[in-house]
Amino acid sequence: MFSASHIYNPDEAPVAGTSLADLEDRKIDRYLQKVYGKGRNDFDIPYPRLMSNLRIADKNGMLTLAGLLYFGSHPQQFKPAFNVKAVAFTECPLSP
């Protein structure tokens, strides 16, 4: 109900005890290059603000839950019971 009303998004909640230092640079760089075609230094804003704008971190530099799970170097240190499971389906032509 909260998520549907855009009042509260759990994936954007800050994770206590985290900071930008807990991000894995390689994952961030690969994401920025793939999605934006740029490196982290190619944006005209400071890195902490870029992470906040992308909702990877909050305005105080704490990682969001989504930022930690996708880009954290050791997410299990902060959220041991959390994990990300994903499935990819390739396009399959229909048989007549």
N, C-alpha and C. Protein backbone atom coordinates (compact mmCIF):
# COMPACT_ATOMS: atom_id res chain seq x y z
N MET A 1 0.82 -1.18 0.00
CA MET A 1 0.00 0.00 0.00
C MET A 1 0.88 1.26 0.00
N PHE A 2 1.91 1.28 0.87
CA PHE A 2 2.79 2.44 0.91
C PHE A 2 3.53 2.60 -0.42
N SER A 3 4.02 1.49 -0.97
CA SER A 3 4.76 1.54 -2.22
C SER A 3 3.88 2.05 -3.36
N ALA A 4 2.66 1.57 -3.42
CA ALA A 4 1.74 1.99 -4.47
C ALA A 4 1.42 3.48 -4.37
N SER A 5 1.40 4.01 -3.16
CA SER A 5 1.09 5.43 -2.98
C SER A 5 2.33 6.32 -3.09
N HIS A 6 3.50 5.71 -3.30
CA HIS A 6 4.77 6.43 -3.43
C HIS A 6 5.15 7.19 -2.17
N ILE A 7 4.60 6.79 -1.04
CA ILE A 7 4.97 7.41 0.23
C ILE A 7 6.24 6.76 0.76
N TYR A 8 6.37 5.45 0.59
CA TYR A 8 7.51 4.72 1.13
C TYR A 8 7.95 3.66 0.12
N ASN A 9 9.19 3.70 -0.25
CA ASN A 9 9.77 2.70 -1.13
C ASN A 9 10.89 1.99 -0.37
N PRO A 10 10.68 0.76 0.06
CA PRO A 10 11.68 0.06 0.87
C PRO A 10 13.05 -0.03 0.23
N ASP A 11 13.12 -0.13 -1.09
CA ASP A 11 14.42 -0.23 -1.75
C ASP A 11 15.22 1.06 -1.67
N GLU A 12 14.57 2.17 -1.32
CA GLU A 12 15.27 3.44 -1.18
C GLU A 12 15.60 3.78 0.27
N ALA A 13 15.28 2.88 1.19
CA ALA A 13 15.58 3.11 2.60
C ALA A 13 17.08 3.03 2.83
N PRO A 14 17.66 3.96 3.60
CA PRO A 14 19.09 3.89 3.87
C PRO A 14 19.42 2.72 4.78
N VAL A 15 20.58 2.12 4.56
CA VAL A 15 21.04 1.01 5.38
C VAL A 15 22.07 1.55 6.37
N ALA A 16 21.74 1.49 7.64
CA ALA A 16 22.60 2.04 8.70
C ALA A 16 23.98 1.42 8.66
N GLY A 17 24.98 2.25 8.85
CA GLY A 17 26.36 1.78 8.92
C GLY A 17 27.06 1.69 7.59
N THR A 18 26.36 1.97 6.49
CA THR A 18 26.98 1.90 5.17
C THR A 18 27.44 3.28 4.71
N SER A 19 28.32 3.27 3.72
CA SER A 19 28.79 4.52 3.12
C SER A 19 29.19 4.23 1.67
N LEU A 20 29.57 5.26 0.96
CA LEU A 20 29.99 5.10 -0.44
C LEU A 20 31.22 4.19 -0.54
N ALA A 21 31.97 4.08 0.54
CA ALA A 21 33.15 3.21 0.55
C ALA A 21 32.75 1.73 0.44
N ASP A 22 31.49 1.42 0.73
CA ASP A 22 31.01 0.03 0.66
C ASP A 22 30.56 -0.37 -0.74
N LEU A 23 30.67 0.52 -1.71
CA LEU A 23 30.32 0.20 -3.09
C LEU A 23 31.49 -0.47 -3.78
N GLU A 24 31.18 -1.37 -4.70
CA GLU A 24 32.21 -2.00 -5.51
C GLU A 24 32.36 -1.17 -6.78
N ASP A 25 33.49 -0.49 -6.87
CA ASP A 25 33.73 0.45 -7.98
C ASP A 25 33.53 -0.18 -9.34
N ARG A 26 33.98 -1.42 -9.50
CA ARG A 26 33.87 -2.10 -10.80
C ARG A 26 32.42 -2.23 -11.23
N LYS A 27 31.53 -2.54 -10.28
CA LYS A 27 30.10 -2.69 -10.61
C LYS A 27 29.50 -1.34 -11.01
N ILE A 28 29.84 -0.30 -10.26
CA ILE A 28 29.33 1.04 -10.56
C ILE A 28 29.82 1.48 -11.94
N ASP A 29 31.11 1.31 -12.20
CA ASP A 29 31.67 1.74 -13.48
C ASP A 29 31.02 1.01 -14.65
N ARG A 30 30.83 -0.29 -14.50
CA ARG A 30 30.21 -1.09 -15.57
C ARG A 30 28.77 -0.63 -15.81
N TYR A 31 28.03 -0.36 -14.74
CA TYR A 31 26.64 0.11 -14.85
C TYR A 31 26.59 1.48 -15.56
N LEU A 32 27.41 2.41 -15.12
CA LEU A 32 27.39 3.75 -15.71
C LEU A 32 27.76 3.70 -17.19
N GLN A 33 28.74 2.87 -17.52
CA GLN A 33 29.15 2.76 -18.92
C GLN A 33 28.06 2.14 -19.77
N LYS A 34 27.42 1.09 -19.26
CA LYS A 34 26.39 0.40 -20.03
C LYS A 34 25.13 1.24 -20.21
N VAL A 35 24.70 1.91 -19.14
CA VAL A 35 23.44 2.65 -19.19
C VAL A 35 23.61 4.05 -19.78
N TYR A 36 24.70 4.74 -19.41
CA TYR A 36 24.87 6.13 -19.82
C TYR A 36 26.00 6.36 -20.82
N GLY A 37 26.82 5.34 -21.04
CA GLY A 37 27.95 5.50 -21.95
C GLY A 37 29.00 6.44 -21.43
N LYS A 38 29.09 6.57 -20.10
CA LYS A 38 30.03 7.49 -19.47
C LYS A 38 30.68 6.82 -18.27
N GLY A 39 31.87 7.32 -17.93
CA GLY A 39 32.52 6.93 -16.70
C GLY A 39 32.08 7.84 -15.58
N ARG A 40 32.39 7.48 -14.36
CA ARG A 40 31.95 8.28 -13.21
C ARG A 40 32.48 9.70 -13.22
N ASN A 41 33.65 9.93 -13.81
CA ASN A 41 34.23 11.26 -13.85
C ASN A 41 33.74 12.10 -15.03
N ASP A 42 32.91 11.50 -15.88
CA ASP A 42 32.39 12.22 -17.04
C ASP A 42 31.10 12.98 -16.75
N PHE A 43 30.56 12.82 -15.58
CA PHE A 43 29.36 13.55 -15.18
C PHE A 43 29.79 14.89 -14.59
N ASP A 44 28.96 15.90 -14.75
CA ASP A 44 29.31 17.24 -14.28
C ASP A 44 28.91 17.50 -12.84
N ILE A 45 28.75 16.44 -12.07
CA ILE A 45 28.39 16.59 -10.65
C ILE A 45 29.31 15.72 -9.82
N PRO A 46 29.48 16.05 -8.55
CA PRO A 46 30.34 15.24 -7.68
C PRO A 46 29.79 13.81 -7.53
N TYR A 47 30.69 12.86 -7.34
CA TYR A 47 30.32 11.45 -7.23
C TYR A 47 29.27 11.20 -6.16
N PRO A 48 29.37 11.76 -4.94
CA PRO A 48 28.32 11.50 -3.94
C PRO A 48 26.93 11.96 -4.42
N ARG A 49 26.88 13.06 -5.10
CA ARG A 49 25.59 13.54 -5.60
C ARG A 49 25.07 12.65 -6.73
N LEU A 50 25.96 12.16 -7.57
CA LEU A 50 25.56 11.24 -8.63
C LEU A 50 24.93 9.99 -8.02
N MET A 51 25.55 9.45 -6.98
CA MET A 51 25.01 8.25 -6.33
C MET A 51 23.66 8.54 -5.68
N SER A 52 23.50 9.73 -5.15
CA SER A 52 22.21 10.13 -4.56
C SER A 52 21.16 10.30 -5.65
N ASN A 53 21.52 10.93 -6.74
CA ASN A 53 20.57 11.13 -7.84
C ASN A 53 20.09 9.81 -8.43
N LEU A 54 20.98 8.81 -8.45
CA LEU A 54 20.63 7.49 -8.97
C LEU A 54 19.96 6.61 -7.92
N ARG A 55 19.81 7.16 -6.72
CA ARG A 55 19.19 6.46 -5.58
C ARG A 55 19.98 5.23 -5.16
N ILE A 56 21.28 5.27 -5.40
CA ILE A 56 22.17 4.23 -4.92
C ILE A 56 22.57 4.54 -3.49
N ALA A 57 22.58 5.82 -3.17
CA ALA A 57 22.86 6.29 -1.81
C ALA A 57 21.89 7.40 -1.48
N ASP A 58 21.76 7.71 -0.19
CA ASP A 58 20.92 8.84 0.18
C ASP A 58 21.76 10.11 0.21
N LYS A 59 21.17 11.22 0.57
CA LYS A 59 21.88 12.50 0.55
C LYS A 59 22.98 12.58 1.60
N ASN A 60 22.95 11.68 2.58
CA ASN A 60 23.97 11.66 3.62
C ASN A 60 25.09 10.67 3.32
N GLY A 61 25.01 10.00 2.18
CA GLY A 61 26.06 9.07 1.78
C GLY A 61 25.85 7.64 2.23
N MET A 62 24.73 7.36 2.92
CA MET A 62 24.42 5.97 3.28
C MET A 62 23.82 5.28 2.07
N LEU A 63 24.19 4.03 1.85
CA LEU A 63 23.65 3.29 0.72
C LEU A 63 22.18 2.98 0.94
N THR A 64 21.42 3.01 -0.14
CA THR A 64 20.03 2.54 -0.06
C THR A 64 20.06 1.02 -0.11
N LEU A 65 18.95 0.40 0.25
CA LEU A 65 18.89 -1.05 0.22
C LEU A 65 19.18 -1.56 -1.19
N ALA A 66 18.58 -0.96 -2.20
CA ALA A 66 18.83 -1.37 -3.59
C ALA A 66 20.29 -1.14 -3.96
N GLY A 67 20.85 0.00 -3.58
CA GLY A 67 22.26 0.29 -3.86
C GLY A 67 23.19 -0.73 -3.23
N LEU A 68 22.89 -1.11 -2.00
CA LEU A 68 23.71 -2.11 -1.31
C LEU A 68 23.62 -3.47 -1.98
N LEU A 69 22.39 -3.91 -2.28
CA LEU A 69 22.22 -5.25 -2.83
C LEU A 69 22.80 -5.38 -4.24
N TYR A 70 22.67 -4.35 -5.05
CA TYR A 70 23.16 -4.43 -6.43
C TYR A 70 24.62 -4.04 -6.58
N PHE A 71 25.09 -3.07 -5.83
CA PHE A 71 26.42 -2.53 -6.05
C PHE A 71 27.36 -2.65 -4.85
N GLY A 72 26.89 -3.20 -3.76
CA GLY A 72 27.73 -3.32 -2.57
C GLY A 72 28.82 -4.35 -2.72
N SER A 73 29.97 -4.09 -2.11
CA SER A 73 31.07 -5.05 -2.19
C SER A 73 30.83 -6.24 -1.27
N HIS A 74 30.17 -6.02 -0.13
CA HIS A 74 29.87 -7.10 0.81
C HIS A 74 28.50 -6.86 1.44
N PRO A 75 27.42 -6.99 0.66
CA PRO A 75 26.09 -6.69 1.21
C PRO A 75 25.70 -7.60 2.37
N GLN A 76 26.21 -8.84 2.38
CA GLN A 76 25.86 -9.77 3.45
C GLN A 76 26.37 -9.29 4.82
N GLN A 77 27.32 -8.40 4.83
CA GLN A 77 27.83 -7.84 6.09
C GLN A 77 26.75 -7.02 6.78
N PHE A 78 25.90 -6.36 6.00
CA PHE A 78 24.88 -5.48 6.56
C PHE A 78 23.49 -6.10 6.55
N LYS A 79 23.21 -6.91 5.56
CA LYS A 79 21.90 -7.56 5.41
C LYS A 79 22.09 -9.04 5.09
N PRO A 80 22.47 -9.85 6.06
CA PRO A 80 22.80 -11.25 5.78
C PRO A 80 21.64 -12.09 5.26
N ALA A 81 20.42 -11.71 5.55
CA ALA A 81 19.27 -12.52 5.11
C ALA A 81 18.73 -12.09 3.74
N PHE A 82 19.27 -11.02 3.17
CA PHE A 82 18.77 -10.49 1.91
C PHE A 82 19.59 -11.03 0.75
N ASN A 83 18.95 -11.21 -0.40
CA ASN A 83 19.65 -11.57 -1.62
C ASN A 83 18.82 -11.14 -2.82
N VAL A 84 19.46 -11.18 -3.97
CA VAL A 84 18.79 -10.82 -5.21
C VAL A 84 18.77 -12.06 -6.09
N LYS A 85 17.60 -12.41 -6.57
CA LYS A 85 17.46 -13.52 -7.51
C LYS A 85 16.88 -12.95 -8.79
N ALA A 86 17.46 -13.35 -9.91
CA ALA A 86 16.99 -12.84 -11.19
C ALA A 86 16.98 -13.96 -12.22
N VAL A 87 16.09 -13.83 -13.16
CA VAL A 87 15.98 -14.80 -14.25
C VAL A 87 15.90 -14.02 -15.54
N ALA A 88 16.57 -14.52 -16.57
CA ALA A 88 16.50 -13.90 -17.89
C ALA A 88 15.92 -14.92 -18.86
N PHE A 89 14.99 -14.49 -19.66
CA PHE A 89 14.38 -15.34 -20.67
C PHE A 89 14.81 -14.85 -22.04
N THR A 90 15.27 -15.75 -22.86
CA THR A 90 15.60 -15.37 -24.23
C THR A 90 14.36 -15.49 -25.07
N GLU A 91 14.32 -14.75 -26.14
CA GLU A 91 13.18 -14.79 -27.03
C GLU A 91 13.14 -16.15 -27.73
N CYS A 92 12.01 -16.72 -27.75
CA CYS A 92 11.84 -18.04 -28.35
C CYS A 92 10.72 -17.97 -29.38
N PRO A 93 11.02 -18.27 -30.64
CA PRO A 93 9.95 -18.21 -31.65
C PRO A 93 8.90 -19.28 -31.37
N LEU A 94 7.69 -18.93 -31.62
CA LEU A 94 6.59 -19.87 -31.41
C LEU A 94 6.57 -20.92 -32.50
N SER A 95 6.35 -22.14 -32.11
CA SER A 95 6.26 -23.23 -33.09
C SER A 95 4.86 -23.25 -33.68
N PRO A 96 4.74 -23.55 -35.00
CA PRO A 96 3.39 -23.60 -35.61
C PRO A 96 2.60 -24.79 -35.15
